[in-house]
Structures are given as C-alpha cells and as structure tokens.
Amino acid sequence: MDVTSGKVREISCVVSAHDICGEGVVWHPEEDALYWTDINRRLLHRYRLADTRFETWQFEQPVTAVALTSNPALILVVLGGSIILWDTTACCSVATLFQLPAWPGVRCNDARVGPDGMLWFGTMQNNVRSDGGSVEITDYLGELLSLERSGKTCVWHSGMGIMNTVAWSPSGERLFFGDTLRNCIYSSDFYCTSSTISAPALFAEGFLRGLPDGSAMDADGYLWNCRYGGGCIVRFAPDGALAEVIDTSVKNPTTCAFGGPDYKTLYFTSAAASEDGEAAPGGALFCLEVEVPGLPSYRFEL
C-alpha cells in the first residue's frame, strides 16, 4: 500500500513539551487530564484540561507508557526496566510490580491494559543511552508479555524488533499488536476469561509512509495507527483495509489515545525531527476532533 496524501483535518497543539520521544499518552477521566511520557528524558507529564496546568516528573529510567488502574488515584508507569504503581495525588511511587530481568540490554516499550484487567506490554532492544541519546537497534529481542497484579508475567510472542501497538476490538475478542521494524500489525483472538491469545495473523503490512508506532481503537472497530517517520496517522478498517490517512504537521507521530468527555478527541504524541518547523514542533502533544468516539481505556485490576 502506498498513499502519498491524506485527508485534511484540523490539528491543534495542546502542549509544546519539547519531548525527544513523546509516548504513552492516556486519558484519565477522573482527573480530566492527559498523562504521557518522554522516553529519552525519563519524564512523566500530566496536563489538566480544566485549568491547563502542565506538570512533569523525572525518573531514573526511561518512561515508556502509562496505564490506568481500578484505583483512580493510582496509575501504572512503565519504565525501561520495571513497572511501578504511582500515586497521582502524592506524586510518588508506591510499589514495584515487575522488574525486567534483561534490563538494561532490553527495555519495556508500549503497554495497555486489556479487557481481562491485565497489562499487556512489549519489550525491545534498549536504544536509549544513559545520557538520553539514542542508539541503533540491531537485534530482534522484543516480546509481547502480559502482567498480573501478583507480578506474574507470560510471554506470548518473541523475536520482534520493536513491539508497538496494543489495542483490542470493541468486543474485546481481538488483540492487535505490531512490530515497527517489520512494518507489520498483527491480530490474535483474545480469550478474556483465560487471558490467553491465539497464534497471531497478519492484519496490515506494507504501508509505505513511515512505520507502525502506537495505536488506539474507536467504537466502530477501526484502528488508528501513528506512523513514525511517515508524518501521518492511518485509520485501518476492521478487516485491515486502509480507510483514511490523516497528514500530520510533524514527521514522527508516536502514539495516540481518545479522550475528552465524549471520547471524540484523538490526542497524539510525537518525537522531535529536524524536518519539523517551528509552527508545529516535533515533541509536542497534539489533538484532533473525530466523528466516531474512541473506547475508554481498560483499567488494571489491583
């Protein structure tokens, strides 16, 4: 598939955060706020829509993703080598749920909670230096894993370059995940009662504008996928057909999430690129309005 131009939609800059690699955005409805990260600067961000307050906290490891829990005051913060519970009121870590044995050679990456109340997350070769710089990925060390509240993990898929995209169909019966380096998005049958999946089948491949990064699912079962390096967001139909291409003003959109009271705002993060102009700087958080609402995030069962 090769699409060179996309549908024009009005895109607004929400926060010019100057992230090196913004990621992991999630809508927190109780706080009327957005959380997201800057992997390379080891930052967790929060932006409150009601009062436009923007806050940032720094960690000792790269921060790759954020997820809600069954306790609105606690969120999961996915770090390079661990996954922690973080208190949004006290602004501090309260527990470590998981430590990645292969860290720092391998790090955690994209993560979302499934309809089973477990965290499903990916790993990859660590490409972030201690000074925040990036290094080339040479090995296919990525995996797709699930995490229970007890700390138990299961590995479901291995040999991936960069495990990105974790999303479910509206019924919760299909799981979507991708490998950025292979330019592929896969789907598996998802069995909620047993927290198991079928062998993956190819969902979408070969789209030539950029590579698949993070995604979000809308209520009609369309997957919105950020295309790193491609300057666009792609909307894939439930059968994998290309439904829409939305051009972005930045080269590297990274991941997206639906939010707002009606879930009709798509927020997306971005990574800095030399090609981005001052009017729409890479590393900012952006938003656009959509017709079909997105799905609220599942919550990790504590």
Protein backbone atom coordinates (compact mmCIF):
# COMPACT_ATOMS: atom_id res chain seq x y z
CA MET A 1 0.00 0.00 0.00
CA ASP A 2 1.32 3.43 -0.95
CA VAL A 3 -0.67 6.53 -0.12
CA THR A 4 1.14 9.83 -0.54
CA SER A 5 -1.54 12.29 0.53
CA GLY A 6 -4.16 12.14 3.22
CA LYS A 7 -7.42 13.67 4.38
CA VAL A 8 -7.08 17.17 5.77
CA ARG A 9 -8.19 17.53 9.39
CA GLU A 10 -7.60 20.44 11.74
CA ILE A 11 -4.86 19.51 14.19
CA SER A 12 -4.09 21.63 17.27
CA CYS A 13 -1.04 21.74 19.51
CA VAL A 14 -2.09 21.04 23.10
CA VAL A 15 1.28 21.27 24.85
CA SER A 16 4.65 22.10 23.31
CA ALA A 17 6.54 19.77 25.64
CA HIS A 18 9.75 19.61 23.56
CA ASP A 19 9.93 15.85 24.05
CA ILE A 20 12.73 13.93 22.41
CA CYS A 21 10.38 10.97 22.07
CA GLY A 22 6.90 11.60 23.43
CA GLU A 23 4.95 8.38 24.03
CA GLY A 24 2.39 6.51 26.12
CA VAL A 25 -0.49 9.01 26.16
CA VAL A 26 -3.62 8.04 28.12
CA TRP A 27 -6.78 9.93 29.09
CA HIS A 28 -7.59 9.97 32.83
CA PRO A 29 -11.32 10.83 33.05
CA GLU A 30 -11.50 11.34 36.85
CA GLU A 31 -8.73 13.94 36.66
CA ASP A 32 -9.85 15.44 33.34
CA ALA A 33 -6.21 15.06 32.42
CA LEU A 34 -3.76 13.51 29.99
CA TYR A 35 -0.67 11.59 31.01
CA TRP A 36 2.20 10.87 28.64
CA THR A 37 5.96 10.39 28.67
CA ASP A 38 9.24 11.43 27.14
CA ILE A 39 11.21 8.21 26.88
CA ASN A 40 14.66 9.72 26.37
CA ARG A 41 14.44 12.42 29.05
CA ARG A 42 12.88 9.92 31.52
CA LEU A 43 9.83 12.15 32.06
CA LEU A 44 6.20 11.63 33.03
CA HIS A 45 3.88 14.50 32.02
CA ARG A 46 0.38 15.48 33.16
CA TYR A 47 -1.83 18.10 31.54
CA ARG A 48 -5.13 19.07 33.18
CA LEU A 49 -7.68 20.34 30.70
CA ALA A 50 -9.78 22.24 33.24
CA ASP A 51 -7.03 24.61 34.36
CA THR A 52 -4.39 23.96 31.62
CA ARG A 53 -1.87 23.01 34.30
CA PHE A 54 1.16 21.18 32.94
CA GLU A 55 3.36 19.15 35.32
CA THR A 56 6.40 16.94 34.82
CA TRP A 57 8.25 14.38 36.94
CA GLN A 58 11.60 12.77 36.20
CA PHE A 59 12.59 9.14 36.83
CA GLU A 60 15.87 7.23 36.88
CA GLN A 61 14.94 5.10 33.86
CA PRO A 62 13.26 5.82 30.50
CA VAL A 63 9.49 6.20 30.89
CA THR A 64 7.68 4.40 28.07
CA ALA A 65 3.95 4.12 28.84
CA VAL A 66 1.15 4.94 31.29
CA ALA A 67 -1.98 2.95 32.18
CA LEU A 68 -5.00 3.44 34.44
CA THR A 69 -5.86 1.16 37.35
CA SER A 70 -9.04 0.25 39.24
CA ASN A 71 -7.99 2.88 41.80
CA PRO A 72 -8.25 6.30 40.10
CA ALA A 73 -5.53 7.70 42.40
CA LEU A 74 -3.01 5.10 41.20
CA ILE A 75 -1.59 4.66 37.70
CA LEU A 76 0.86 2.21 36.20
CA VAL A 77 4.08 3.81 34.99
CA VAL A 78 6.09 1.61 32.65
CA LEU A 79 9.83 2.26 32.92
CA GLY A 80 12.69 0.84 30.92
CA GLY A 81 13.42 -1.91 33.42
CA SER A 82 10.38 -2.03 35.68
CA ILE A 83 6.67 -1.34 36.06
CA ILE A 84 5.54 0.64 39.09
CA LEU A 85 2.39 1.89 40.78
CA TRP A 86 2.44 5.67 41.06
CA ASP A 87 0.23 7.79 43.31
CA THR A 88 -1.13 10.75 41.31
CA THR A 89 -2.01 12.69 44.48
CA ALA A 90 1.23 12.27 46.40
CA CYS A 91 3.20 12.15 43.13
CA CYS A 92 5.37 9.24 44.17
CA SER A 93 5.92 5.54 43.56
CA VAL A 94 4.13 3.24 45.99
CA ALA A 95 5.06 -0.23 44.68
CA THR A 96 7.10 -2.06 42.07
CA LEU A 97 5.05 -4.72 40.29
CA PHE A 98 7.62 -6.04 37.84
CA GLN A 99 11.33 -5.89 37.10
CA LEU A 100 12.64 -6.82 33.66
CA PRO A 101 15.48 -9.36 34.05
CA ALA A 102 17.11 -8.41 30.73
CA TRP A 103 17.33 -4.69 31.57
CA PRO A 104 19.36 -2.64 30.57
CA GLY A 105 20.10 -4.60 27.40
CA VAL A 106 16.34 -4.87 26.78
CA ARG A 107 13.69 -2.35 27.83
CA CYS A 108 9.93 -2.14 28.10
CA ASN A 109 8.03 -0.25 25.43
CA ASP A 110 4.34 0.18 24.54
CA ALA A 111 1.73 -1.05 27.05
CA ARG A 112 -2.05 -1.08 27.51
CA VAL A 113 -4.48 -2.79 29.88
CA GLY A 114 -6.71 -5.44 28.36
CA PRO A 115 -10.37 -6.35 28.99
CA ASP A 116 -9.06 -9.02 31.37
CA GLY A 117 -7.67 -6.32 33.70
CA MET A 118 -4.06 -7.34 32.99
CA LEU A 119 -1.31 -5.21 31.49
CA TRP A 120 -0.17 -6.29 28.04
CA PHE A 121 3.18 -4.79 27.12
CA GLY A 122 6.08 -5.09 24.75
CA THR A 123 9.85 -5.08 25.02
CA MET A 124 12.68 -4.27 22.64
CA GLN A 125 16.43 -3.87 22.49
CA ASN A 126 17.26 -0.87 24.64
CA ASN A 127 18.04 2.03 22.31
CA VAL A 128 18.34 4.78 24.95
CA ARG A 129 21.75 5.69 26.31
CA SER A 130 22.23 6.84 29.89
CA ASP A 131 22.65 10.43 28.63
CA GLY A 132 19.30 10.28 26.82
CA GLY A 133 20.73 9.79 23.37
CA SER A 134 19.58 7.05 21.01
CA VAL A 135 21.45 4.11 19.55
CA GLU A 136 20.64 1.91 16.55
CA ILE A 137 18.59 -1.23 17.07
CA THR A 138 20.43 -4.26 15.69
CA ASP A 139 18.75 -7.26 17.33
CA TYR A 140 15.21 -8.62 17.32
CA LEU A 141 14.87 -9.04 21.08
CA GLY A 142 11.31 -7.80 21.52
CA GLU A 143 8.50 -9.76 23.13
CA LEU A 144 4.79 -9.39 23.87
CA LEU A 145 4.02 -10.11 27.52
CA SER A 146 1.16 -9.92 30.00
CA LEU A 147 1.41 -8.89 33.65
CA GLU A 148 -0.88 -9.83 36.54
CA ARG A 149 -1.29 -7.87 39.78
CA SER A 150 0.77 -10.57 41.53
CA GLY A 151 3.72 -9.74 39.31
CA LYS A 152 3.45 -12.93 37.27
CA THR A 153 4.23 -12.49 33.58
CA CYS A 154 3.68 -14.62 30.48
CA VAL A 155 5.47 -14.29 27.13
CA TRP A 156 3.15 -14.60 24.14
CA HIS A 157 5.30 -13.65 21.16
CA SER A 158 9.08 -13.32 20.71
CA GLY A 159 11.64 -12.33 18.08
CA MET A 160 10.21 -8.87 17.48
CA GLY A 161 12.17 -5.77 16.53
CA ILE A 162 10.12 -3.10 18.32
CA MET A 163 6.87 -4.27 19.92
CA ASN A 164 4.43 -1.39 19.40
CA THR A 165 0.64 -1.01 19.34
CA VAL A 166 -1.51 -2.78 21.92
CA ALA A 167 -5.24 -2.46 21.27
CA TRP A 168 -8.46 -4.50 21.39
CA SER A 169 -11.52 -4.68 19.18
CA PRO A 170 -14.68 -3.14 20.69
CA SER A 171 -15.91 -6.61 21.68
CA GLY A 172 -12.58 -7.39 23.34
CA GLU A 173 -12.30 -10.57 21.28
CA ARG A 174 -9.32 -9.50 19.14
CA LEU A 175 -5.93 -8.18 20.23
CA PHE A 176 -3.85 -6.06 17.86
CA PHE A 177 -0.10 -5.61 18.21
CA GLY A 178 2.69 -4.61 15.87
CA ASP A 179 6.36 -4.88 15.03
CA THR A 180 7.68 -1.50 13.95
CA LEU A 181 10.83 -2.80 12.29
CA ARG A 182 8.91 -5.32 10.18
CA ASN A 183 6.24 -2.73 9.26
CA CYS A 184 3.53 -5.19 10.32
CA ILE A 185 0.47 -5.15 12.56
CA TYR A 186 -0.90 -8.50 13.72
CA SER A 187 -4.14 -9.65 15.32
CA SER A 188 -4.92 -12.56 17.61
CA ASP A 189 -8.10 -13.97 19.03
CA PHE A 190 -8.31 -12.82 22.64
CA TYR A 191 -9.83 -15.07 25.29
CA CYS A 192 -10.68 -12.81 28.18
CA THR A 193 -11.68 -15.43 30.74
CA SER A 194 -8.35 -17.24 30.46
CA SER A 195 -6.18 -14.25 29.47
CA THR A 196 -4.79 -16.16 26.51
CA ILE A 197 -4.43 -15.42 22.79
CA SER A 198 -4.32 -17.41 19.57
CA ALA A 199 -1.37 -17.53 17.21
CA PRO A 200 -1.05 -14.12 15.51
CA ALA A 201 -2.30 -13.48 11.98
CA LEU A 202 -1.22 -10.63 9.74
CA PHE A 203 -3.61 -7.66 9.96
CA ALA A 204 -1.85 -4.91 7.98
CA GLU A 205 1.51 -4.62 6.28
CA GLY A 206 3.29 -2.79 3.50
CA PHE A 207 2.01 0.74 4.06
CA LEU A 208 4.97 2.77 2.87
CA ARG A 209 4.57 6.03 4.76
CA GLY A 210 6.59 5.51 7.90
CA LEU A 211 6.43 2.59 10.32
CA PRO A 212 3.73 1.49 12.77
CA ASP A 213 4.03 3.01 16.23
CA GLY A 214 1.29 3.30 18.86
CA SER A 215 -2.44 2.93 18.17
CA ALA A 216 -5.94 3.50 19.54
CA MET A 217 -9.26 1.80 18.78
CA ASP A 218 -12.55 3.56 18.01
CA ALA A 219 -16.08 2.35 18.73
CA ASP A 220 -16.57 1.12 15.16
CA GLY A 221 -13.55 -1.17 15.36
CA TYR A 222 -11.19 0.99 13.31
CA LEU A 223 -7.55 1.07 14.42
CA TRP A 224 -5.88 4.50 14.41
CA ASN A 225 -2.14 3.94 13.95
CA CYS A 226 0.60 6.58 14.28
CA ARG A 227 3.21 6.25 11.53
CA TYR A 228 6.68 7.08 12.82
CA GLY A 229 8.68 8.79 10.08
CA GLY A 230 5.63 8.99 7.84
CA GLY A 231 4.05 12.23 9.01
CA CYS A 232 0.58 10.72 9.27
CA ILE A 233 -1.96 8.72 11.24
CA VAL A 234 -3.62 5.82 9.44
CA ARG A 235 -7.13 4.53 10.14
CA PHE A 236 -7.40 0.83 9.36
CA ALA A 237 -10.80 -0.82 8.93
CA PRO A 238 -11.64 -3.95 10.97
CA ASP A 239 -10.58 -6.13 8.02
CA GLY A 240 -7.21 -4.35 7.70
CA ALA A 241 -8.19 -2.24 4.69
CA LEU A 242 -6.87 1.31 4.53
CA ALA A 243 -9.80 3.60 5.42
CA GLU A 244 -8.17 7.00 5.92
CA VAL A 245 -4.81 8.73 6.04
CA ILE A 246 -4.51 11.88 8.16
CA ASP A 247 -1.50 14.05 7.43
CA THR A 248 0.21 15.50 10.49
CA SER A 249 2.41 18.57 10.63
CA VAL A 250 5.18 16.58 12.31
CA LYS A 251 7.25 13.78 10.82
CA ASN A 252 7.09 11.45 13.82
CA PRO A 253 3.67 10.94 15.42
CA THR A 254 4.25 8.23 18.01
CA THR A 255 1.10 7.08 19.81
CA CYS A 256 -2.49 8.15 20.31
CA ALA A 257 -5.45 7.89 22.68
CA PHE A 258 -9.06 9.04 22.63
CA GLY A 259 -10.17 11.42 25.36
CA GLY A 260 -12.45 14.21 26.42
CA PRO A 261 -15.90 13.71 27.96
CA ASP A 262 -17.28 12.15 24.75
CA TYR A 263 -14.05 10.43 23.63
CA LYS A 264 -14.25 12.30 20.33
CA THR A 265 -10.84 13.93 20.65
CA LEU A 266 -7.82 11.99 19.45
CA TYR A 267 -4.65 13.05 21.26
CA PHE A 268 -1.26 12.05 19.89
CA THR A 269 2.33 12.42 20.98
CA SER A 270 5.33 13.00 18.76
CA ALA A 271 9.09 12.68 18.61
CA ALA A 272 11.41 15.51 17.58
CA ALA A 273 12.65 15.58 13.99
CA SER A 274 14.85 18.10 12.21
CA GLU A 275 12.25 18.41 9.44
CA ASP A 276 9.56 19.77 11.77
CA GLY A 277 9.03 23.51 11.58
CA GLU A 278 8.58 25.98 14.41
CA ALA A 279 4.83 26.22 13.75
CA ALA A 280 4.31 22.55 14.64
CA PRO A 281 7.34 21.36 16.60
CA GLY A 282 8.01 17.67 16.98
CA GLY A 283 7.93 16.57 20.60
CA ALA A 284 4.58 18.28 21.23
CA LEU A 285 1.21 16.81 22.23
CA PHE A 286 -1.45 17.36 19.57
CA CYS A 287 -5.17 16.72 19.17
CA LEU A 288 -7.85 16.48 16.50
CA GLU A 289 -11.61 16.04 16.60
CA VAL A 290 -13.20 12.87 15.20
CA GLU A 291 -16.73 11.76 14.34
CA VAL A 292 -16.63 8.24 15.81
CA PRO A 293 -15.77 8.14 19.51
CA GLY A 294 -12.93 6.10 20.85
CA LEU A 295 -13.09 3.44 23.51
CA PRO A 296 -12.33 4.23 27.17
CA SER A 297 -9.17 2.65 28.50
CA TYR A 298 -9.40 -0.60 30.41
CA ARG A 299 -8.10 -0.50 33.97
CA PHE A 300 -5.51 -2.69 35.63
CA GLU A 301 -7.17 -4.71 38.38
CA LEU A 302 -5.48 -4.13 41.73
